[in-house]
Amino acid sequence: MFKAVVFDIGQTLVDYRKPMNWSKLYKPAFEQIAEKYNYSFSEAHYQNAVKVLTKYNTRINPRDYEVSSVHIFTELLHVMDIDLDDLERVKESFYAYFRQDSSLFYDVKQTLKTLSQKAIKLGTLSDVAYGMDNSYALEDIEPVIKYIDYPFTSNDTGYRKSCTKGLEIMSEKMQTDISNIVFVGDEKKDMVCARDAGAYAVLINRESTIKNYGQAQTIHTLTELFPIFDIDL
């Protein structure tokens, strides 16, 4: 029945070891950037940065559509009095601050390799933070990207979860009816997206707490996906 799996990335495949809401880390991130590039920021500059980043913080201000990194950081550099020629290096440093110490969860490689060997189509559909370019977002899954046929983010689809459009686009790209797709994620918005789109919603819950987001199934390790595809553990 099921022919494909689409994975969220953050806290599903990759452990970022950072809070999901980055609000309290805006200033430390820019303090690190200031030290690295010898910028001199006033308290007003930091407050301006917080205002801009809060506007694009989807934990505070959810949206269905994606906004590019260039759009966000052009606005951000303007209020920080940073030359636009520095846009790429500021972006890279900002994203690096939040990606440091990230790593794949222990069960990712085995799971993706096994599913791929069984000719299951694999994809990702992850909402990027603050327009994070795919060159950064997908770098975090680089050790296993060879197993992923459709490595997509919200940059590619133009939509963010829980809007179903991104998953519908993935279904078209994979040439697989959405009812034959398993979507694996760790958040409520993932489950709402999958359920409303008509995919099979699987919650990966690596914690001991009970989470009921309307999922069709809950798993605690990714290898628990194997029985869904009649693969022996």
C-alpha atoms as a PDB file:
ATOM      1  CA  MET A   1       0.000   0.000   0.000  1.00  0.00           C
ATOM      2  CA  PHE A   2       2.557   2.593   1.091  1.00  0.00           C
ATOM      3  CA  LYS A   3       5.176   3.441  -1.511  1.00  0.00           C
ATOM      4  CA  ALA A   4       6.985   6.482  -0.147  1.00  0.00           C
ATOM      5  CA  VAL A   5       8.125   8.194   3.031  1.00  0.00           C
ATOM      6  CA  VAL A   6       8.550  11.933   3.498  1.00  0.00           C
ATOM      7  CA  PHE A   7      10.510  13.047   6.553  1.00  0.00           C
ATOM      8  CA  ASP A   8      10.650  16.297   8.436  1.00  0.00           C
ATOM      9  CA  ILE A   9      14.310  17.140   9.173  1.00  0.00           C
ATOM     10  CA  GLY A  10      14.660  19.025  12.467  1.00  0.00           C
ATOM     11  CA  GLN A  11      14.244  16.757  15.522  1.00  0.00           C
ATOM     12  CA  THR A  12      13.096  13.980  13.201  1.00  0.00           C
ATOM     13  CA  LEU A  13      16.340  13.242  11.358  1.00  0.00           C
ATOM     14  CA  VAL A  14      18.632  15.857  12.925  1.00  0.00           C
ATOM     15  CA  ASP A  15      19.068  16.733  16.592  1.00  0.00           C
ATOM     16  CA  TYR A  16      19.737  20.486  16.741  1.00  0.00           C
ATOM     17  CA  ARG A  17      20.146  20.725  20.516  1.00  0.00           C
ATOM     18  CA  LYS A  18      18.580  24.181  20.483  1.00  0.00           C
ATOM     19  CA  PRO A  19      15.115  25.336  21.614  1.00  0.00           C
ATOM     20  CA  MET A  20      12.534  25.315  18.848  1.00  0.00           C
ATOM     21  CA  ASN A  21      11.838  28.979  19.492  1.00  0.00           C
ATOM     22  CA  TRP A  22      15.078  30.911  18.947  1.00  0.00           C
ATOM     23  CA  SER A  23      13.839  34.194  20.466  1.00  0.00           C
ATOM     24  CA  LYS A  24      16.145  34.178  23.491  1.00  0.00           C
ATOM     25  CA  LEU A  25      19.175  33.448  21.316  1.00  0.00           C
ATOM     26  CA  TYR A  26      18.901  36.344  18.853  1.00  0.00           C
ATOM     27  CA  LYS A  27      21.222  38.618  20.808  1.00  0.00           C
ATOM     28  CA  PRO A  28      23.865  35.942  21.594  1.00  0.00           C
ATOM     29  CA  ALA A  29      23.924  35.019  17.903  1.00  0.00           C
ATOM     30  CA  PHE A  30      24.579  38.606  16.859  1.00  0.00           C
ATOM     31  CA  GLU A  31      27.084  39.110  19.638  1.00  0.00           C
ATOM     32  CA  GLN A  32      29.044  36.234  18.139  1.00  0.00           C
ATOM     33  CA  ILE A  33      28.747  37.779  14.678  1.00  0.00           C
ATOM     34  CA  ALA A  34      29.939  41.129  16.048  1.00  0.00           C
ATOM     35  CA  GLU A  35      32.992  39.490  17.582  1.00  0.00           C
ATOM     36  CA  LYS A  36      33.788  37.520  14.442  1.00  0.00           C
ATOM     37  CA  TYR A  37      33.575  40.467  12.041  1.00  0.00           C
ATOM     38  CA  ASN A  38      34.415  43.330  14.390  1.00  0.00           C
ATOM     39  CA  TYR A  39      31.010  44.984  14.184  1.00  0.00           C
ATOM     40  CA  SER A  40      30.017  47.481  16.849  1.00  0.00           C
ATOM     41  CA  PHE A  41      26.354  47.113  17.773  1.00  0.00           C
ATOM     42  CA  SER A  42      24.460  49.311  20.192  1.00  0.00           C
ATOM     43  CA  GLU A  43      21.624  48.081  22.372  1.00  0.00           C
ATOM     44  CA  ALA A  44      19.277  49.769  19.886  1.00  0.00           C
ATOM     45  CA  HIS A  45      20.765  47.646  17.102  1.00  0.00           C
ATOM     46  CA  TYR A  46      20.079  44.486  19.052  1.00  0.00           C
ATOM     47  CA  GLN A  47      16.515  45.600  19.771  1.00  0.00           C
ATOM     48  CA  ASN A  48      16.011  46.310  16.060  1.00  0.00           C
ATOM     49  CA  ALA A  49      17.259  42.837  15.208  1.00  0.00           C
ATOM     50  CA  VAL A  50      14.880  41.276  17.706  1.00  0.00           C
ATOM     51  CA  LYS A  51      11.931  43.133  16.155  1.00  0.00           C
ATOM     52  CA  VAL A  52      12.734  41.965  12.645  1.00  0.00           C
ATOM     53  CA  LEU A  53      13.461  38.372  13.627  1.00  0.00           C
ATOM     54  CA  THR A  54      10.341  38.202  15.797  1.00  0.00           C
ATOM     55  CA  LYS A  55       8.271  39.269  12.796  1.00  0.00           C
ATOM     56  CA  TYR A  56       9.587  36.259  10.877  1.00  0.00           C
ATOM     57  CA  ASN A  57       9.529  33.871  13.842  1.00  0.00           C
ATOM     58  CA  THR A  58       6.863  31.358  12.850  1.00  0.00           C
ATOM     59  CA  ARG A  59       6.622  30.081  16.433  1.00  0.00           C
ATOM     60  CA  ILE A  60       5.199  33.506  17.269  1.00  0.00           C
ATOM     61  CA  ASN A  61       3.748  34.557  13.915  1.00  0.00           C
ATOM     62  CA  PRO A  62       2.765  31.430  11.941  1.00  0.00           C
ATOM     63  CA  ARG A  63       2.424  31.694   8.172  1.00  0.00           C
ATOM     64  CA  ASP A  64       1.624  29.324   5.319  1.00  0.00           C
ATOM     65  CA  TYR A  65       4.082  30.785   2.804  1.00  0.00           C
ATOM     66  CA  GLU A  66       7.873  30.824   2.870  1.00  0.00           C
ATOM     67  CA  VAL A  67       9.997  33.996   2.896  1.00  0.00           C
ATOM     68  CA  SER A  68      13.491  33.982   1.405  1.00  0.00           C
ATOM     69  CA  SER A  69      16.675  34.515   3.386  1.00  0.00           C
ATOM     70  CA  VAL A  70      17.585  37.439   1.135  1.00  0.00           C
ATOM     71  CA  HIS A  71      14.314  39.179   1.968  1.00  0.00           C
ATOM     72  CA  ILE A  72      14.717  38.651   5.714  1.00  0.00           C
ATOM     73  CA  PHE A  73      18.394  39.512   5.941  1.00  0.00           C
ATOM     74  CA  THR A  74      18.140  42.558   3.676  1.00  0.00           C
ATOM     75  CA  GLU A  75      15.641  43.953   6.170  1.00  0.00           C
ATOM     76  CA  LEU A  76      17.764  42.817   9.100  1.00  0.00           C
ATOM     77  CA  LEU A  77      21.027  44.329   7.840  1.00  0.00           C
ATOM     78  CA  HIS A  78      19.277  47.611   7.159  1.00  0.00           C
ATOM     79  CA  VAL A  79      18.148  48.031  10.778  1.00  0.00           C
ATOM     80  CA  MET A  80      21.541  46.823  12.050  1.00  0.00           C
ATOM     81  CA  ASP A  81      23.443  49.337   9.868  1.00  0.00           C
ATOM     82  CA  ILE A  82      25.420  46.565   8.189  1.00  0.00           C
ATOM     83  CA  ASP A  83      26.498  46.961   4.567  1.00  0.00           C
ATOM     84  CA  LEU A  84      24.462  44.755   2.207  1.00  0.00           C
ATOM     85  CA  ASP A  85      27.720  43.450   0.756  1.00  0.00           C
ATOM     86  CA  ASP A  86      28.060  41.515   4.020  1.00  0.00           C
ATOM     87  CA  LEU A  87      24.724  39.750   3.621  1.00  0.00           C
ATOM     88  CA  GLU A  88      26.071  36.289   2.796  1.00  0.00           C
ATOM     89  CA  ARG A  89      28.617  36.175   5.595  1.00  0.00           C
ATOM     90  CA  VAL A  90      26.097  37.411   8.177  1.00  0.00           C
ATOM     91  CA  LYS A  91      23.576  34.799   7.032  1.00  0.00           C
ATOM     92  CA  GLU A  92      26.165  32.041   7.206  1.00  0.00           C
ATOM     93  CA  SER A  93      27.271  33.042  10.700  1.00  0.00           C
ATOM     94  CA  PHE A  94      23.716  33.430  11.975  1.00  0.00           C
ATOM     95  CA  TYR A  95      22.639  30.020  10.743  1.00  0.00           C
ATOM     96  CA  ALA A  96      25.882  28.413  11.920  1.00  0.00           C
ATOM     97  CA  TYR A  97      25.215  29.616  15.462  1.00  0.00           C
ATOM     98  CA  PHE A  98      21.988  27.632  15.614  1.00  0.00           C
ATOM     99  CA  ARG A  99      23.314  24.604  13.727  1.00  0.00           C
ATOM    100  CA  GLN A 100      26.409  24.107  15.853  1.00  0.00           C
ATOM    101  CA  ASP A 101      26.570  20.776  17.682  1.00  0.00           C
ATOM    102  CA  SER A 102      23.805  19.336  15.490  1.00  0.00           C
ATOM    103  CA  SER A 103      23.969  15.681  14.493  1.00  0.00           C
ATOM    104  CA  LEU A 104      21.907  12.919  12.918  1.00  0.00           C
ATOM    105  CA  PHE A 105      19.942  10.768  15.322  1.00  0.00           C
ATOM    106  CA  TYR A 106      21.462   7.319  15.786  1.00  0.00           C
ATOM    107  CA  ASP A 107      18.725   5.470  13.862  1.00  0.00           C
ATOM    108  CA  VAL A 108      18.653   7.629  10.723  1.00  0.00           C
ATOM    109  CA  LYS A 109      21.306   6.014   8.523  1.00  0.00           C
ATOM    110  CA  GLN A 110      20.125   2.442   9.060  1.00  0.00           C
ATOM    111  CA  THR A 111      16.496   3.385   8.461  1.00  0.00           C
ATOM    112  CA  LEU A 112      17.038   5.393   5.290  1.00  0.00           C
ATOM    113  CA  LYS A 113      19.478   2.863   3.849  1.00  0.00           C
ATOM    114  CA  THR A 114      17.103  -0.038   4.461  1.00  0.00           C
ATOM    115  CA  LEU A 115      14.061   1.756   3.049  1.00  0.00           C
ATOM    116  CA  SER A 116      16.029   2.840  -0.017  1.00  0.00           C
ATOM    117  CA  GLN A 117      17.246  -0.710  -0.638  1.00  0.00           C
ATOM    118  CA  LYS A 118      13.613  -1.836  -0.599  1.00  0.00           C
ATOM    119  CA  ALA A 119      12.827   0.660  -3.392  1.00  0.00           C
ATOM    120  CA  ILE A 120      10.740   2.877  -1.133  1.00  0.00           C
ATOM    121  CA  LYS A 121      10.759   6.453  -2.448  1.00  0.00           C
ATOM    122  CA  LEU A 122      12.244   8.836   0.116  1.00  0.00           C
ATOM    123  CA  GLY A 123      11.874  12.568   0.490  1.00  0.00           C
ATOM    124  CA  THR A 124      12.147  15.375   3.005  1.00  0.00           C
ATOM    125  CA  LEU A 125       9.823  18.283   3.608  1.00  0.00           C
ATOM    126  CA  SER A 126      11.098  20.584   6.312  1.00  0.00           C
ATOM    127  CA  ASP A 127      10.224  24.161   7.213  1.00  0.00           C
ATOM    128  CA  VAL A 128      13.384  26.243   7.183  1.00  0.00           C
ATOM    129  CA  ALA A 129      14.064  28.798   9.907  1.00  0.00           C
ATOM    130  CA  TYR A 130      14.310  32.445   8.841  1.00  0.00           C
ATOM    131  CA  GLY A 131      14.578  31.523   5.175  1.00  0.00           C
ATOM    132  CA  MET A 132      17.602  29.267   5.744  1.00  0.00           C
ATOM    133  CA  ASP A 133      18.968  28.320   2.342  1.00  0.00           C
ATOM    134  CA  ASN A 134      18.995  24.665   1.340  1.00  0.00           C
ATOM    135  CA  SER A 135      22.776  24.771   1.181  1.00  0.00           C
ATOM    136  CA  TYR A 136      22.674  24.999   4.986  1.00  0.00           C
ATOM    137  CA  ALA A 137      19.496  23.074   5.797  1.00  0.00           C
ATOM    138  CA  LEU A 138      20.370  20.064   3.655  1.00  0.00           C
ATOM    139  CA  GLU A 139      24.010  20.041   4.728  1.00  0.00           C
ATOM    140  CA  ASP A 140      22.799  18.669   8.053  1.00  0.00           C
ATOM    141  CA  ILE A 141      21.620  15.474   6.321  1.00  0.00           C
ATOM    142  CA  GLU A 142      24.598  15.257   3.962  1.00  0.00           C
ATOM    143  CA  PRO A 143      25.763  11.851   5.304  1.00  0.00           C
ATOM    144  CA  VAL A 144      22.464  10.260   4.213  1.00  0.00           C
ATOM    145  CA  ILE A 145      21.309  12.461   1.342  1.00  0.00           C
ATOM    146  CA  LYS A 146      22.369   9.805  -1.160  1.00  0.00           C
ATOM    147  CA  TYR A 147      19.398   7.754   0.037  1.00  0.00           C
ATOM    148  CA  ILE A 148      16.907  10.603  -0.379  1.00  0.00           C
ATOM    149  CA  ASP A 149      15.327  10.883  -3.813  1.00  0.00           C
ATOM    150  CA  TYR A 150      13.551  14.188  -3.150  1.00  0.00           C
ATOM    151  CA  PRO A 151      15.411  16.366  -0.605  1.00  0.00           C
ATOM    152  CA  PHE A 152      12.961  19.262  -0.338  1.00  0.00           C
ATOM    153  CA  THR A 153      12.347  22.094   2.108  1.00  0.00           C
ATOM    154  CA  SER A 154       9.802  24.888   2.256  1.00  0.00           C
ATOM    155  CA  ASN A 155      12.183  26.842  -0.005  1.00  0.00           C
ATOM    156  CA  ASP A 156      11.348  24.396  -2.809  1.00  0.00           C
ATOM    157  CA  THR A 157       7.587  24.255  -2.347  1.00  0.00           C
ATOM    158  CA  GLY A 158       7.031  27.840  -1.208  1.00  0.00           C
ATOM    159  CA  TYR A 159       4.750  26.668   1.604  1.00  0.00           C
ATOM    160  CA  ARG A 160       5.140  25.865   5.295  1.00  0.00           C
ATOM    161  CA  LYS A 161       3.369  23.245   7.367  1.00  0.00           C
ATOM    162  CA  SER A 162       0.636  22.815   8.473  1.00  0.00           C
ATOM    163  CA  CYS A 163      -0.463  24.038   5.030  1.00  0.00           C
ATOM    164  CA  THR A 164      -0.971  20.932   2.887  1.00  0.00           C
ATOM    165  CA  LYS A 165       0.313  22.467  -0.360  1.00  0.00           C
ATOM    166  CA  GLY A 166       3.929  21.446   0.244  1.00  0.00           C
ATOM    167  CA  LEU A 167       3.030  17.795   0.761  1.00  0.00           C
ATOM    168  CA  GLU A 168       0.729  17.889  -2.247  1.00  0.00           C
ATOM    169  CA  ILE A 169       3.631  19.180  -4.344  1.00  0.00           C
ATOM    170  CA  MET A 170       5.816  16.392  -2.959  1.00  0.00           C
ATOM    171  CA  SER A 171       3.176  13.851  -4.001  1.00  0.00           C
ATOM    172  CA  GLU A 172       3.267  15.193  -7.552  1.00  0.00           C
ATOM    173  CA  LYS A 173       7.072  15.195  -7.676  1.00  0.00           C
ATOM    174  CA  MET A 174       7.225  11.631  -6.350  1.00  0.00           C
ATOM    175  CA  GLN A 175       4.473  10.551  -8.757  1.00  0.00           C
ATOM    176  CA  THR A 176       2.815   8.804  -5.838  1.00  0.00           C
ATOM    177  CA  ASP A 177      -0.740   9.199  -4.672  1.00  0.00           C
ATOM    178  CA  ILE A 178      -0.735  11.048  -1.377  1.00  0.00           C
ATOM    179  CA  SER A 179      -2.677   8.235   0.293  1.00  0.00           C
ATOM    180  CA  ASN A 180       0.346   6.001  -0.374  1.00  0.00           C
ATOM    181  CA  ILE A 181       2.780   8.358   1.357  1.00  0.00           C
ATOM    182  CA  VAL A 182       3.895   8.065   4.977  1.00  0.00           C
ATOM    183  CA  PHE A 183       4.803  11.413   6.510  1.00  0.00           C
ATOM    184  CA  VAL A 184       7.087  11.333   9.553  1.00  0.00           C
ATOM    185  CA  GLY A 185       7.516  14.351  11.813  1.00  0.00           C
ATOM    186  CA  ASP A 186       7.846  15.345  15.439  1.00  0.00           C
ATOM    187  CA  GLU A 187       5.426  18.285  15.747  1.00  0.00           C
ATOM    188  CA  LYS A 188       1.706  18.912  15.751  1.00  0.00           C
ATOM    189  CA  LYS A 189       1.937  20.921  12.526  1.00  0.00           C
ATOM    190  CA  ASP A 190       3.504  17.885  10.818  1.00  0.00           C
ATOM    191  CA  MET A 191       0.643  15.660  11.854  1.00  0.00           C
ATOM    192  CA  VAL A 192      -2.025  18.205  10.887  1.00  0.00           C
ATOM    193  CA  CYS A 193      -0.377  18.661   7.489  1.00  0.00           C
ATOM    194  CA  ALA A 194      -0.163  14.923   6.831  1.00  0.00           C
ATOM    195  CA  ARG A 195      -3.670  14.168   8.069  1.00  0.00           C
ATOM    196  CA  ASP A 196      -5.334  17.025   6.189  1.00  0.00           C
ATOM    197  CA  ALA A 197      -3.467  16.186   2.989  1.00  0.00           C
ATOM    198  CA  GLY A 198      -4.510  12.525   3.188  1.00  0.00           C
ATOM    199  CA  ALA A 199      -1.092  11.011   3.950  1.00  0.00           C
ATOM    200  CA  TYR A 200      -0.400   8.490   6.712  1.00  0.00           C
ATOM    201  CA  ALA A 201       0.693  10.598   9.690  1.00  0.00           C
ATOM    202  CA  VAL A 202       3.465   9.093  11.839  1.00  0.00           C
ATOM    203  CA  LEU A 203       4.720  10.950  14.907  1.00  0.00           C
ATOM    204  CA  ILE A 204       8.294  10.285  15.975  1.00  0.00           C
ATOM    205  CA  ASN A 205       8.292  10.830  19.726  1.00  0.00           C
ATOM    206  CA  ARG A 206      11.753  10.403  21.218  1.00  0.00           C
ATOM    207  CA  GLU A 207      10.560  11.589  24.640  1.00  0.00           C
ATOM    208  CA  SER A 208       8.744   9.821  27.462  1.00  0.00           C
ATOM    209  CA  THR A 209       5.787  12.225  27.405  1.00  0.00           C
ATOM    210  CA  ILE A 210       2.552  11.294  25.652  1.00  0.00           C
ATOM    211  CA  LYS A 211       1.785  13.397  22.579  1.00  0.00           C
ATOM    212  CA  ASN A 212      -1.557  13.273  20.828  1.00  0.00           C
ATOM    213  CA  TYR A 213      -1.504  15.361  17.677  1.00  0.00           C
ATOM    214  CA  GLY A 214      -4.041  13.351  15.704  1.00  0.00           C
ATOM    215  CA  GLN A 215      -1.382  11.034  14.283  1.00  0.00           C
ATOM    216  CA  ALA A 216      -2.271   7.664  12.802  1.00  0.00           C
ATOM    217  CA  GLN A 217       0.684   6.043  14.546  1.00  0.00           C
ATOM    218  CA  THR A 218       3.395   6.926  17.059  1.00  0.00           C
ATOM    219  CA  ILE A 219       6.913   5.537  16.887  1.00  0.00           C
ATOM    220  CA  HIS A 220       9.857   6.026  19.229  1.00  0.00           C
ATOM    221  CA  THR A 221      12.645   5.068  16.841  1.00  0.00           C
ATOM    222  CA  LEU A 222      12.682   5.380  13.066  1.00  0.00           C
ATOM    223  CA  THR A 223      13.300   1.663  12.633  1.00  0.00           C
ATOM    224  CA  GLU A 224       9.716   1.177  13.809  1.00  0.00           C
ATOM    225  CA  LEU A 225       8.736   2.268  10.299  1.00  0.00           C
ATOM    226  CA  PHE A 226       9.863  -1.085   8.897  1.00  0.00           C
ATOM    227  CA  PRO A 227       6.694  -3.076   9.761  1.00  0.00           C
ATOM    228  CA  ILE A 228       4.611  -0.494   7.880  1.00  0.00           C
ATOM    229  CA  PHE A 229       6.431  -1.662   4.735  1.00  0.00           C
ATOM    230  CA  ASP A 230       6.533  -5.345   5.738  1.00  0.00           C
ATOM    231  CA  ILE A 231      10.276  -5.153   6.380  1.00  0.00           C
ATOM    232  CA  ASP A 232      11.528  -7.501   9.063  1.00  0.00           C
ATOM    233  CA  LEU A 233      13.318  -5.773  11.962  1.00  0.00           C
END
